[in-house]
Amino acid sequence: MSIKLLTTGLITSVLMIQPAIANDVLDEREQRMKTLGKEVKTMASMVKGRSDFDADQFVSGAWNMSDAMEGMLDLFPAGSHGGDSAAKAKIWDNWEDFVAKYQAAVEATDNLADAADEGDETTIKKAFGKVGKSCSSCHRQYRIKRD
């Protein structure tokens, strides 16, 4: 087998595998974002008094959010926008700012989980507000609005 044929085969294989890897990353990113959204919706209902405050459910949701945020940057490889992705291309043009916003969101979700563990509703509501602000600051700049 010639080197040229082997090289061509390897390059072709890599190019065929890359979209599958990218789709796995996008699927994981979307799933985590859905988890975050689901938990925020449930918690917001409790914080706003639309549903009874369930401390156990709140703690579980806060830790689910914290877990979902862990390693999220790895799910934003360069160029993983377009198609079904709601990520704007400018994420990678402003990577340092995106990372700073991500780190603020991680800190906010971790603080919410800690506050939920402590159980003080006033502290929980304040921490929940900070989560909302950190998520919104990133989404406003780096997420494509969908209907």
N, C-alpha and C. Protein backbone atom coordinates (compact mmCIF):
# COMPACT_ATOMS: atom_id res chain seq x y z
N MET A 1 0.86 -1.17 0.00
CA MET A 1 0.00 0.00 0.00
C MET A 1 0.90 1.23 0.00
N SER A 2 0.58 2.17 -0.84
CA SER A 2 1.43 3.36 -0.93
C SER A 2 1.11 4.33 0.22
N ILE A 3 2.09 5.16 0.54
CA ILE A 3 1.93 6.17 1.58
C ILE A 3 0.82 7.14 1.19
N LYS A 4 0.78 7.50 -0.10
CA LYS A 4 -0.24 8.45 -0.57
C LYS A 4 -1.65 7.89 -0.35
N LEU A 5 -1.85 6.63 -0.67
CA LEU A 5 -3.15 5.99 -0.49
C LEU A 5 -3.51 5.90 0.98
N LEU A 6 -2.54 5.54 1.81
CA LEU A 6 -2.76 5.45 3.26
C LEU A 6 -3.11 6.81 3.84
N THR A 7 -2.38 7.84 3.44
CA THR A 7 -2.63 9.20 3.92
C THR A 7 -4.02 9.66 3.49
N THR A 8 -4.37 9.43 2.26
CA THR A 8 -5.69 9.81 1.77
C THR A 8 -6.79 9.11 2.56
N GLY A 9 -6.60 7.85 2.83
CA GLY A 9 -7.57 7.09 3.62
C GLY A 9 -7.73 7.62 5.02
N LEU A 10 -6.62 7.96 5.66
CA LEU A 10 -6.66 8.51 7.02
C LEU A 10 -7.37 9.86 7.05
N ILE A 11 -7.04 10.71 6.10
CA ILE A 11 -7.67 12.04 6.04
C ILE A 11 -9.17 11.89 5.82
N THR A 12 -9.56 11.02 4.91
CA THR A 12 -10.98 10.79 4.65
C THR A 12 -11.69 10.28 5.90
N SER A 13 -11.05 9.36 6.61
CA SER A 13 -11.65 8.82 7.84
C SER A 13 -11.86 9.91 8.88
N VAL A 14 -10.86 10.74 9.07
CA VAL A 14 -10.95 11.83 10.05
C VAL A 14 -12.08 12.78 9.66
N LEU A 15 -12.16 13.13 8.39
CA LEU A 15 -13.21 14.06 7.94
C LEU A 15 -14.60 13.46 8.10
N MET A 16 -14.72 12.16 7.98
CA MET A 16 -16.02 11.52 8.15
C MET A 16 -16.40 11.41 9.62
N ILE A 17 -15.43 11.24 10.50
CA ILE A 17 -15.69 11.09 11.94
C ILE A 17 -15.98 12.44 12.58
N GLN A 18 -15.32 13.50 12.13
CA GLN A 18 -15.43 14.81 12.77
C GLN A 18 -16.87 15.30 12.90
N PRO A 19 -17.73 15.22 11.87
CA PRO A 19 -19.12 15.67 12.06
C PRO A 19 -19.85 14.87 13.14
N ALA A 20 -19.58 13.59 13.26
CA ALA A 20 -20.23 12.79 14.31
C ALA A 20 -19.81 13.27 15.69
N ILE A 21 -18.53 13.57 15.84
CA ILE A 21 -18.03 14.09 17.12
C ILE A 21 -18.68 15.43 17.41
N ALA A 22 -18.72 16.30 16.41
CA ALA A 22 -19.33 17.62 16.58
C ALA A 22 -20.79 17.49 16.99
N ASN A 23 -21.52 16.57 16.35
CA ASN A 23 -22.92 16.37 16.70
C ASN A 23 -23.07 15.89 18.13
N ASP A 24 -22.18 15.00 18.59
CA ASP A 24 -22.23 14.53 19.98
C ASP A 24 -22.03 15.70 20.94
N VAL A 25 -21.09 16.58 20.63
CA VAL A 25 -20.82 17.74 21.48
C VAL A 25 -22.04 18.65 21.51
N LEU A 26 -22.61 18.93 20.35
CA LEU A 26 -23.79 19.79 20.29
C LEU A 26 -24.98 19.18 21.02
N ASP A 27 -25.15 17.88 20.87
CA ASP A 27 -26.24 17.19 21.57
C ASP A 27 -26.05 17.28 23.09
N GLU A 28 -24.84 17.06 23.55
CA GLU A 28 -24.56 17.15 24.99
C GLU A 28 -24.79 18.57 25.49
N ARG A 29 -24.32 19.55 24.73
CA ARG A 29 -24.50 20.96 25.11
C ARG A 29 -25.98 21.29 25.19
N GLU A 30 -26.75 20.88 24.19
CA GLU A 30 -28.18 21.16 24.18
C GLU A 30 -28.88 20.47 25.35
N GLN A 31 -28.51 19.25 25.63
CA GLN A 31 -29.13 18.51 26.74
C GLN A 31 -28.85 19.21 28.07
N ARG A 32 -27.62 19.65 28.26
CA ARG A 32 -27.31 20.36 29.51
C ARG A 32 -28.06 21.67 29.62
N MET A 33 -28.18 22.40 28.51
CA MET A 33 -28.91 23.66 28.53
C MET A 33 -30.39 23.40 28.86
N LYS A 34 -30.94 22.33 28.33
CA LYS A 34 -32.33 21.98 28.64
C LYS A 34 -32.49 21.65 30.12
N THR A 35 -31.51 20.95 30.69
CA THR A 35 -31.54 20.65 32.12
C THR A 35 -31.54 21.94 32.92
N LEU A 36 -30.65 22.86 32.55
CA LEU A 36 -30.58 24.14 33.26
C LEU A 36 -31.92 24.88 33.15
N GLY A 37 -32.48 24.93 31.96
CA GLY A 37 -33.76 25.62 31.76
C GLY A 37 -34.89 25.01 32.55
N LYS A 38 -34.94 23.68 32.58
CA LYS A 38 -35.99 22.98 33.34
C LYS A 38 -35.88 23.30 34.83
N GLU A 39 -34.67 23.25 35.34
CA GLU A 39 -34.49 23.52 36.78
C GLU A 39 -34.80 24.98 37.11
N VAL A 40 -34.39 25.89 36.25
CA VAL A 40 -34.68 27.31 36.49
C VAL A 40 -36.18 27.54 36.51
N LYS A 41 -36.89 26.93 35.59
CA LYS A 41 -38.34 27.09 35.53
C LYS A 41 -39.00 26.60 36.82
N THR A 42 -38.58 25.43 37.29
CA THR A 42 -39.14 24.87 38.52
C THR A 42 -38.82 25.76 39.72
N MET A 43 -37.57 26.19 39.81
CA MET A 43 -37.15 27.02 40.94
C MET A 43 -37.82 28.39 40.91
N ALA A 44 -37.93 28.98 39.71
CA ALA A 44 -38.56 30.29 39.59
C ALA A 44 -39.99 30.25 40.10
N SER A 45 -40.68 29.18 39.80
CA SER A 45 -42.05 29.03 40.28
C SER A 45 -42.09 29.04 41.81
N MET A 46 -41.13 28.37 42.42
CA MET A 46 -41.08 28.35 43.90
C MET A 46 -40.68 29.71 44.46
N VAL A 47 -39.65 30.32 43.87
CA VAL A 47 -39.14 31.61 44.36
C VAL A 47 -40.20 32.70 44.22
N LYS A 48 -40.97 32.64 43.16
CA LYS A 48 -42.00 33.67 42.91
C LYS A 48 -43.33 33.35 43.60
N GLY A 49 -43.39 32.24 44.32
CA GLY A 49 -44.58 31.90 45.08
C GLY A 49 -45.71 31.30 44.24
N ARG A 50 -45.44 30.91 43.02
CA ARG A 50 -46.46 30.28 42.17
C ARG A 50 -46.68 28.82 42.54
N SER A 51 -45.70 28.24 43.20
CA SER A 51 -45.84 26.87 43.70
C SER A 51 -45.22 26.83 45.09
N ASP A 52 -45.59 25.83 45.85
CA ASP A 52 -45.06 25.69 47.20
C ASP A 52 -43.56 25.47 47.15
N PHE A 53 -42.87 26.03 48.12
CA PHE A 53 -41.43 25.85 48.21
C PHE A 53 -41.16 24.45 48.72
N ASP A 54 -40.45 23.68 47.92
CA ASP A 54 -40.07 22.32 48.27
C ASP A 54 -38.55 22.31 48.41
N ALA A 55 -38.07 22.35 49.64
CA ALA A 55 -36.63 22.45 49.90
C ALA A 55 -35.84 21.32 49.26
N ASP A 56 -36.35 20.10 49.36
CA ASP A 56 -35.63 18.96 48.78
C ASP A 56 -35.53 19.08 47.26
N GLN A 57 -36.62 19.46 46.65
CA GLN A 57 -36.62 19.63 45.19
C GLN A 57 -35.69 20.77 44.78
N PHE A 58 -35.67 21.83 45.57
CA PHE A 58 -34.81 22.97 45.28
C PHE A 58 -33.34 22.57 45.38
N VAL A 59 -32.99 21.84 46.43
CA VAL A 59 -31.60 21.38 46.60
C VAL A 59 -31.21 20.50 45.43
N SER A 60 -32.05 19.56 45.09
CA SER A 60 -31.76 18.64 43.98
C SER A 60 -31.58 19.42 42.68
N GLY A 61 -32.47 20.36 42.41
CA GLY A 61 -32.38 21.16 41.19
C GLY A 61 -31.12 22.02 41.15
N ALA A 62 -30.77 22.60 42.28
CA ALA A 62 -29.57 23.45 42.34
C ALA A 62 -28.32 22.63 42.05
N TRP A 63 -28.25 21.44 42.60
CA TRP A 63 -27.08 20.58 42.34
C TRP A 63 -27.09 20.06 40.92
N ASN A 64 -28.27 19.81 40.35
CA ASN A 64 -28.35 19.43 38.93
C ASN A 64 -27.79 20.54 38.05
N MET A 65 -28.10 21.78 38.40
CA MET A 65 -27.59 22.93 37.64
C MET A 65 -26.07 23.02 37.78
N SER A 66 -25.60 22.87 38.98
CA SER A 66 -24.15 22.93 39.22
C SER A 66 -23.43 21.84 38.41
N ASP A 67 -23.99 20.64 38.43
CA ASP A 67 -23.39 19.53 37.66
C ASP A 67 -23.43 19.81 36.17
N ALA A 68 -24.53 20.38 35.68
CA ALA A 68 -24.66 20.67 34.25
C ALA A 68 -23.64 21.71 33.79
N MET A 69 -23.29 22.62 34.65
CA MET A 69 -22.33 23.67 34.29
C MET A 69 -20.90 23.16 34.27
N GLU A 70 -20.63 22.12 35.01
CA GLU A 70 -19.27 21.60 35.11
C GLU A 70 -18.76 21.14 33.75
N GLY A 71 -17.64 21.71 33.33
CA GLY A 71 -17.02 21.32 32.07
C GLY A 71 -17.75 21.80 30.83
N MET A 72 -18.69 22.72 30.98
CA MET A 72 -19.48 23.19 29.84
C MET A 72 -18.61 23.82 28.74
N LEU A 73 -17.52 24.46 29.10
CA LEU A 73 -16.66 25.08 28.07
C LEU A 73 -16.17 24.05 27.06
N ASP A 74 -15.96 22.83 27.51
CA ASP A 74 -15.51 21.77 26.59
C ASP A 74 -16.55 21.48 25.52
N LEU A 75 -17.78 21.90 25.75
CA LEU A 75 -18.86 21.66 24.80
C LEU A 75 -19.03 22.82 23.82
N PHE A 76 -18.06 23.73 23.81
CA PHE A 76 -18.04 24.85 22.88
C PHE A 76 -16.73 24.85 22.09
N PRO A 77 -16.47 23.76 21.36
CA PRO A 77 -15.25 23.76 20.56
C PRO A 77 -15.36 24.82 19.46
N ALA A 78 -14.24 25.34 19.03
CA ALA A 78 -14.22 26.38 18.01
C ALA A 78 -15.08 25.98 16.82
N GLY A 79 -15.92 26.91 16.41
CA GLY A 79 -16.73 26.69 15.23
C GLY A 79 -17.99 25.87 15.43
N SER A 80 -18.35 25.58 16.66
CA SER A 80 -19.55 24.75 16.89
C SER A 80 -20.81 25.62 16.96
N HIS A 81 -21.01 26.37 15.91
CA HIS A 81 -22.20 27.21 15.77
C HIS A 81 -22.83 26.90 14.42
N GLY A 82 -23.95 27.53 14.16
CA GLY A 82 -24.64 27.28 12.89
C GLY A 82 -25.54 26.06 13.01
N GLY A 83 -26.25 25.78 11.96
CA GLY A 83 -27.17 24.64 11.97
C GLY A 83 -28.20 24.78 13.06
N ASP A 84 -28.34 23.74 13.87
CA ASP A 84 -29.32 23.74 14.96
C ASP A 84 -28.82 24.44 16.22
N SER A 85 -27.56 24.83 16.23
CA SER A 85 -26.97 25.45 17.42
C SER A 85 -27.49 26.87 17.59
N ALA A 86 -27.75 27.24 18.84
CA ALA A 86 -28.16 28.62 19.16
C ALA A 86 -26.96 29.48 19.52
N ALA A 87 -25.76 28.91 19.42
CA ALA A 87 -24.54 29.66 19.74
C ALA A 87 -24.19 30.60 18.61
N LYS A 88 -23.88 31.85 18.96
CA LYS A 88 -23.44 32.82 17.97
C LYS A 88 -21.95 32.63 17.69
N ALA A 89 -21.54 32.91 16.47
CA ALA A 89 -20.14 32.77 16.07
C ALA A 89 -19.23 33.69 16.88
N LYS A 90 -19.77 34.78 17.40
CA LYS A 90 -18.91 35.73 18.10
C LYS A 90 -18.40 35.21 19.45
N ILE A 91 -18.89 34.04 19.87
CA ILE A 91 -18.34 33.42 21.08
C ILE A 91 -16.83 33.28 20.95
N TRP A 92 -16.39 32.78 19.78
CA TRP A 92 -14.98 32.48 19.60
C TRP A 92 -14.16 33.72 19.27
N ASP A 93 -14.83 34.80 18.84
CA ASP A 93 -14.15 36.08 18.64
C ASP A 93 -13.92 36.78 19.97
N ASN A 94 -14.74 36.45 20.96
CA ASN A 94 -14.68 37.08 22.29
C ASN A 94 -14.51 36.00 23.36
N TRP A 95 -13.64 35.04 23.10
CA TRP A 95 -13.51 33.87 23.95
C TRP A 95 -13.23 34.23 25.41
N GLU A 96 -12.36 35.18 25.65
CA GLU A 96 -12.03 35.55 27.05
C GLU A 96 -13.26 36.05 27.79
N ASP A 97 -14.07 36.87 27.13
CA ASP A 97 -15.30 37.36 27.76
C ASP A 97 -16.28 36.22 27.98
N PHE A 98 -16.39 35.33 27.01
CA PHE A 98 -17.28 34.17 27.14
C PHE A 98 -16.86 33.31 28.33
N VAL A 99 -15.55 33.08 28.45
CA VAL A 99 -15.04 32.29 29.57
C VAL A 99 -15.34 32.98 30.90
N ALA A 100 -15.17 34.30 30.95
CA ALA A 100 -15.46 35.05 32.18
C ALA A 100 -16.94 34.93 32.55
N LYS A 101 -17.81 35.01 31.56
CA LYS A 101 -19.25 34.88 31.82
C LYS A 101 -19.58 33.45 32.27
N TYR A 102 -18.92 32.47 31.66
CA TYR A 102 -19.10 31.08 32.07
C TYR A 102 -18.67 30.89 33.52
N GLN A 103 -17.51 31.43 33.87
CA GLN A 103 -17.01 31.28 35.24
C GLN A 103 -17.93 31.95 36.24
N ALA A 104 -18.51 33.09 35.87
CA ALA A 104 -19.47 33.76 36.76
C ALA A 104 -20.72 32.88 36.94
N ALA A 105 -21.15 32.23 35.87
CA ALA A 105 -22.33 31.35 35.96
C ALA A 105 -22.04 30.13 36.82
N VAL A 106 -20.84 29.57 36.68
CA VAL A 106 -20.45 28.42 37.51
C VAL A 106 -20.46 28.82 38.98
N GLU A 107 -19.87 29.97 39.27
CA GLU A 107 -19.84 30.45 40.66
C GLU A 107 -21.25 30.68 41.19
N ALA A 108 -22.10 31.27 40.35
CA ALA A 108 -23.48 31.54 40.77
C ALA A 108 -24.25 30.25 41.03
N THR A 109 -24.10 29.25 40.16
CA THR A 109 -24.83 27.99 40.38
C THR A 109 -24.27 27.24 41.58
N ASP A 110 -22.97 27.28 41.78
CA ASP A 110 -22.38 26.65 42.97
C ASP A 110 -22.87 27.33 44.24
N ASN A 111 -22.93 28.68 44.22
CA ASN A 111 -23.43 29.42 45.38
C ASN A 111 -24.90 29.11 45.64
N LEU A 112 -25.67 28.94 44.57
CA LEU A 112 -27.08 28.58 44.74
C LEU A 112 -27.21 27.20 45.38
N ALA A 113 -26.41 26.26 44.94
CA ALA A 113 -26.44 24.91 45.52
C ALA A 113 -26.08 24.95 47.01
N ASP A 114 -25.07 25.75 47.34
CA ASP A 114 -24.68 25.88 48.75
C ASP A 114 -25.81 26.53 49.56
N ALA A 115 -26.41 27.58 49.01
CA ALA A 115 -27.51 28.26 49.70
C ALA A 115 -28.69 27.32 49.89
N ALA A 116 -28.98 26.53 48.87
CA ALA A 116 -30.09 25.57 48.97
C ALA A 116 -29.81 24.55 50.07
N ASP A 117 -28.57 24.11 50.17
CA ASP A 117 -28.20 23.17 51.24
C ASP A 117 -28.43 23.78 52.62
N GLU A 118 -28.14 25.07 52.74
CA GLU A 118 -28.32 25.75 54.03
C GLU A 118 -29.79 25.95 54.36
N GLY A 119 -30.62 26.14 53.33
CA GLY A 119 -32.06 26.18 53.54
C GLY A 119 -32.68 27.52 53.89
N ASP A 120 -31.92 28.60 53.93
CA ASP A 120 -32.47 29.91 54.24
C ASP A 120 -33.09 30.51 52.97
N GLU A 121 -34.42 30.70 52.97
CA GLU A 121 -35.12 31.15 51.76
C GLU A 121 -34.64 32.50 51.26
N THR A 122 -34.32 33.41 52.14
CA THR A 122 -33.85 34.73 51.72
C THR A 122 -32.53 34.61 50.96
N THR A 123 -31.62 33.81 51.50
CA THR A 123 -30.32 33.59 50.86
C THR A 123 -30.51 32.86 49.53
N ILE A 124 -31.42 31.91 49.51
CA ILE A 124 -31.70 31.15 48.29
C ILE A 124 -32.22 32.09 47.20
N LYS A 125 -33.17 32.94 47.55
CA LYS A 125 -33.75 33.85 46.56
C LYS A 125 -32.69 34.80 46.00
N LYS A 126 -31.82 35.29 46.85
CA LYS A 126 -30.74 36.18 46.41
C LYS A 126 -29.79 35.42 45.48
N ALA A 127 -29.42 34.22 45.85
CA ALA A 127 -28.52 33.41 45.02
C ALA A 127 -29.18 33.04 43.69
N PHE A 128 -30.48 32.76 43.72
CA PHE A 128 -31.20 32.42 42.50
C PHE A 128 -31.21 33.62 41.54
N GLY A 129 -31.37 34.81 42.08
CA GLY A 129 -31.34 36.03 41.26
C GLY A 129 -30.00 36.20 40.57
N LYS A 130 -28.94 35.87 41.27
CA LYS A 130 -27.60 35.98 40.67
C LYS A 130 -27.39 34.95 39.56
N VAL A 131 -27.99 33.79 39.71
CA VAL A 131 -27.92 32.79 38.64
C VAL A 131 -28.61 33.34 37.39
N GLY A 132 -29.79 33.89 37.59
CA GLY A 132 -30.54 34.46 36.47
C GLY A 132 -29.76 35.55 35.75
N LYS A 133 -29.13 36.42 36.52
CA LYS A 133 -28.34 37.51 35.92
C LYS A 133 -27.14 36.97 35.15
N SER A 134 -26.48 35.96 35.70
CA SER A 134 -25.29 35.43 35.02
C SER A 134 -25.69 34.72 33.72
N CYS A 135 -26.78 33.98 33.76
CA CYS A 135 -27.25 33.30 32.54
C CYS A 135 -27.67 34.32 31.49
N SER A 136 -28.44 35.31 31.92
CA SER A 136 -28.92 36.33 30.98
C SER A 136 -27.79 37.11 30.34
N SER A 137 -26.75 37.42 31.10
CA SER A 137 -25.66 38.22 30.53
C SER A 137 -24.96 37.48 29.40
N CYS A 138 -24.86 36.19 29.52
CA CYS A 138 -24.24 35.38 28.46
C CYS A 138 -25.20 35.19 27.30
N HIS A 139 -26.44 34.85 27.59
CA HIS A 139 -27.41 34.58 26.54
C HIS A 139 -27.69 35.81 25.69
N ARG A 140 -27.76 36.98 26.31
CA ARG A 140 -28.02 38.21 25.55
C ARG A 140 -26.96 38.42 24.47
N GLN A 141 -25.73 38.14 24.81
CA GLN A 141 -24.63 38.42 23.89
C GLN A 141 -24.29 37.26 22.96
N TYR A 142 -24.43 36.03 23.45
CA TYR A 142 -23.87 34.91 22.73
C TYR A 142 -24.86 33.84 22.26
N ARG A 143 -26.13 34.07 22.47
CA ARG A 143 -27.14 33.07 22.09
C ARG A 143 -28.11 33.65 21.09
N ILE A 144 -28.42 32.90 20.06
CA ILE A 144 -29.41 33.30 19.08
C ILE A 144 -30.79 33.08 19.70
N LYS A 145 -31.60 34.13 19.68
CA LYS A 145 -32.96 34.03 20.21
C LYS A 145 -33.81 33.18 19.29
N ARG A 146 -34.50 32.25 19.87
CA ARG A 146 -35.41 31.40 19.10
C ARG A 146 -36.81 31.59 19.62
N ASP A 147 -37.79 31.34 18.77
CA ASP A 147 -39.19 31.47 19.20
C ASP A 147 -39.58 30.42 20.18
